[in-house]
């Protein structure tokens, strides 16, 4: 009888610990989107995960025109400028898993995204990157995430060309299921 009680207590404790771990695993989506392509991907991820969302916004918005944005981004990259972003009202430390979305500009993270990574502590977090791009792929962006968040586990990125975003929902949904299992 004693052994049966001990086994029941052990099983209950194991179940309780597992349930507590699953409850505490919170998911967050952090993203920057200039043309709303990345924002579309965020919306699909949020549908599947019900994760909280924060948007990175530069204090001084990038220009709306394509060439003007390229010129400003190039100026920031050449000058090693990391522009400030608008304060976000969320505690990243409350989350375990972070989907991290951004466009790829000049084969890199946009400067304001690098600022955000530099100014936040991602220690012990799992970062799941995803990006949109004009056809050149991920570039150095994943390596930059690893550089600016060295104490995080950074998974392989989902990368979607801008021209394919509108038809990418099935691909995004399949990817989300894969990375969360």
Protein backbone atom coordinates (compact mmCIF):
# COMPACT_ATOMS: atom_id res chain seq x y z
CA UNK A 1 0.00 0.00 0.00
CA UNK A 2 2.85 2.39 0.87
CA UNK A 3 4.40 1.79 -2.54
CA UNK A 4 1.11 2.50 -4.29
CA UNK A 5 0.78 5.81 -2.45
CA UNK A 6 4.38 6.72 -3.27
CA UNK A 7 3.84 5.89 -6.94
CA UNK A 8 0.66 7.99 -7.02
CA UNK A 9 2.49 10.91 -5.39
CA UNK A 10 5.34 10.58 -7.87
CA UNK A 11 2.97 10.50 -10.88
CA UNK A 12 1.00 13.47 -9.52
CA UNK A 13 4.19 15.48 -8.96
CA UNK A 14 5.49 14.67 -12.46
CA UNK A 15 2.15 15.65 -14.03
CA UNK A 16 1.95 18.85 -11.97
CA UNK A 17 5.52 19.87 -12.92
CA UNK A 18 4.86 19.19 -16.63
CA UNK A 19 1.58 21.15 -16.57
CA UNK A 20 3.29 24.04 -14.82
CA UNK A 21 6.09 24.12 -17.42
CA UNK A 22 3.57 24.14 -20.27
CA UNK A 23 1.63 26.97 -18.64
CA UNK A 24 4.76 29.07 -18.15
CA UNK A 25 5.97 28.74 -21.75
CA UNK A 26 4.84 32.08 -23.11
CA UNK A 27 5.29 33.08 -26.73
CA UNK A 28 5.91 36.58 -28.09
CA UNK A 29 6.15 37.94 -31.62
CA UNK A 30 8.51 40.88 -32.10
CA UNK A 31 8.67 42.46 -35.53
CA UNK A 32 9.58 45.42 -37.68
CA UNK A 33 7.74 45.98 -40.94
CA UNK A 34 8.21 48.89 -43.31
CA UNK A 35 6.02 47.85 -46.25
CA UNK A 36 3.67 45.58 -44.23
CA UNK A 37 4.94 42.37 -45.85
CA UNK A 38 6.46 41.22 -42.57
CA UNK A 39 3.33 42.37 -40.73
CA UNK A 40 1.24 39.97 -42.86
CA UNK A 41 3.43 37.05 -41.78
CA UNK A 42 3.05 38.19 -38.15
CA UNK A 43 -0.74 38.09 -38.44
CA UNK A 44 -0.65 34.47 -39.66
CA UNK A 45 1.76 33.43 -36.90
CA UNK A 46 -0.44 35.11 -34.31
CA UNK A 47 -3.52 33.26 -35.63
CA UNK A 48 -1.73 29.94 -35.04
CA UNK A 49 -0.03 30.75 -31.73
CA UNK A 50 -2.22 33.38 -30.02
CA UNK A 51 1.10 34.96 -29.01
CA UNK A 52 1.45 38.51 -27.75
CA UNK A 53 2.85 40.98 -30.30
CA UNK A 54 5.12 43.99 -30.17
CA UNK A 55 6.09 46.09 -33.15
CA UNK A 56 9.47 47.78 -33.37
CA UNK A 57 8.99 51.35 -34.55
CA UNK A 58 11.80 53.84 -35.10
CA UNK A 59 11.46 57.14 -33.25
CA UNK A 60 11.98 58.84 -36.59
CA UNK A 61 10.11 56.82 -39.22
CA UNK A 62 11.94 55.68 -42.31
CA UNK A 63 10.85 57.53 -45.47
CA UNK A 64 7.89 56.03 -47.33
CA UNK A 65 9.60 56.06 -50.75
CA UNK A 66 11.71 53.06 -51.71
CA UNK A 67 14.85 54.95 -52.80
CA UNK A 68 14.68 57.36 -49.87
CA UNK A 69 14.46 54.42 -47.46
CA UNK A 70 17.45 52.75 -49.13
CA UNK A 71 19.43 55.98 -48.90
CA UNK A 72 18.62 56.43 -45.19
CA UNK A 73 19.41 52.80 -44.38
CA UNK A 74 22.72 53.08 -46.26
CA UNK A 75 23.58 56.28 -44.38
CA UNK A 76 22.86 54.55 -41.06
CA UNK A 77 24.87 51.45 -42.01
CA UNK A 78 27.88 53.45 -43.24
CA UNK A 79 27.85 55.64 -40.14
CA UNK A 80 27.28 52.64 -37.87
CA UNK A 81 24.20 54.45 -36.60
CA UNK A 82 21.74 52.46 -34.53
CA UNK A 83 18.63 54.65 -34.52
CA UNK A 84 16.41 54.76 -31.43
CA UNK A 85 13.04 53.04 -31.37
CA UNK A 86 9.78 53.94 -29.67
CA UNK A 87 9.49 52.49 -26.17
CA UNK A 88 7.51 49.26 -25.98
CA UNK A 89 5.46 48.39 -22.93
CA UNK A 90 6.28 44.72 -22.51
CA UNK A 91 8.69 42.68 -20.42
CA UNK A 92 10.59 40.29 -22.69
CA UNK A 93 11.74 38.36 -19.61
CA UNK A 94 8.19 37.00 -19.21
CA UNK A 95 8.52 35.03 -22.47
CA UNK A 96 10.39 31.86 -23.39
CA UNK A 97 9.85 31.67 -27.14
CA UNK A 98 10.13 34.69 -29.41
CA UNK A 99 9.21 34.79 -33.07
CA UNK A 100 11.35 37.59 -34.48
CA UNK A 101 10.36 39.11 -37.84
CA UNK A 102 11.98 41.69 -40.06
CA UNK A 103 12.67 42.62 -43.65
CA UNK A 104 16.18 42.03 -44.96
CA UNK A 105 17.72 45.30 -46.12
CA UNK A 106 21.04 45.25 -47.95
CA UNK A 107 21.54 41.63 -46.80
CA UNK A 108 21.28 42.78 -43.14
CA UNK A 109 18.88 43.53 -40.35
CA UNK A 110 17.41 47.02 -40.59
CA UNK A 111 19.40 49.37 -38.30
CA UNK A 112 16.46 49.95 -35.93
CA UNK A 113 16.13 46.17 -35.45
CA UNK A 114 19.80 45.95 -34.48
CA UNK A 115 19.18 48.75 -31.95
CA UNK A 116 16.25 46.83 -30.46
CA UNK A 117 18.31 43.64 -30.14
CA UNK A 118 21.22 45.53 -28.58
CA UNK A 119 18.98 47.22 -26.02
CA UNK A 120 17.17 44.11 -24.79
CA UNK A 121 18.31 40.99 -22.95
CA UNK A 122 17.42 37.77 -24.75
CA UNK A 123 19.41 35.47 -22.44
CA UNK A 124 17.86 32.01 -22.24
CA UNK A 125 15.22 32.79 -24.88
CA UNK A 126 14.52 30.77 -28.01
CA UNK A 127 14.40 33.13 -30.99
CA UNK A 128 12.61 31.90 -34.09
CA UNK A 129 13.51 34.34 -36.90
CA UNK A 130 11.49 35.00 -40.01
CA UNK A 131 11.98 37.57 -42.71
CA UNK A 132 10.80 39.01 -45.98
CA UNK A 133 13.17 40.10 -48.70
CA UNK A 134 13.38 41.30 -52.28
CA UNK A 135 14.97 38.11 -53.57
CA UNK A 136 18.36 37.82 -51.90
CA UNK A 137 17.37 35.65 -48.94
CA UNK A 138 18.40 35.93 -45.34
CA UNK A 139 21.80 37.48 -45.96
CA UNK A 140 23.69 38.19 -42.71
CA UNK A 141 20.50 38.80 -40.71
CA UNK A 142 20.46 35.55 -38.71
CA UNK A 143 24.15 35.94 -37.85
CA UNK A 144 23.41 39.49 -36.69
CA UNK A 145 20.60 38.21 -34.44
CA UNK A 146 23.09 35.74 -32.94
CA UNK A 147 25.64 38.55 -32.53
CA UNK A 148 23.23 40.91 -30.76
CA UNK A 149 21.55 38.14 -28.70
CA UNK A 150 24.51 35.86 -27.93
CA UNK A 151 22.87 34.13 -24.96
CA UNK A 152 19.75 33.13 -26.89
CA UNK A 153 19.12 29.98 -28.89
CA UNK A 154 18.49 31.14 -32.47
CA UNK A 155 16.69 28.70 -34.73
CA UNK A 156 16.76 28.47 -38.51
CA UNK A 157 14.86 31.30 -40.22
CA UNK A 158 11.81 31.23 -42.45
CA UNK A 159 12.54 33.48 -45.41
CA UNK A 160 9.88 34.63 -47.88
CA UNK A 161 10.31 36.86 -50.91
CA UNK A 162 8.17 39.99 -50.97
CA UNK A 163 6.50 38.88 -54.20
CA UNK A 164 5.38 35.59 -52.55
CA UNK A 165 4.01 36.98 -49.28
CA UNK A 166 0.36 37.15 -50.38
CA UNK A 167 0.36 33.39 -51.15
CA UNK A 168 2.56 32.26 -48.24
CA UNK A 169 -0.08 31.53 -45.57
CA UNK A 170 0.04 27.69 -45.98
CA UNK A 171 3.85 27.76 -45.86
CA UNK A 172 3.84 29.95 -42.73
CA UNK A 173 1.27 27.75 -40.96
CA UNK A 174 3.23 24.58 -41.75
CA UNK A 175 6.47 26.23 -40.55
CA UNK A 176 4.88 27.37 -37.26
CA UNK A 177 3.63 23.85 -36.53
CA UNK A 178 7.10 22.46 -37.30
CA UNK A 179 9.08 24.87 -35.12
CA UNK A 180 6.73 24.56 -32.14
CA UNK A 181 6.80 20.75 -32.10
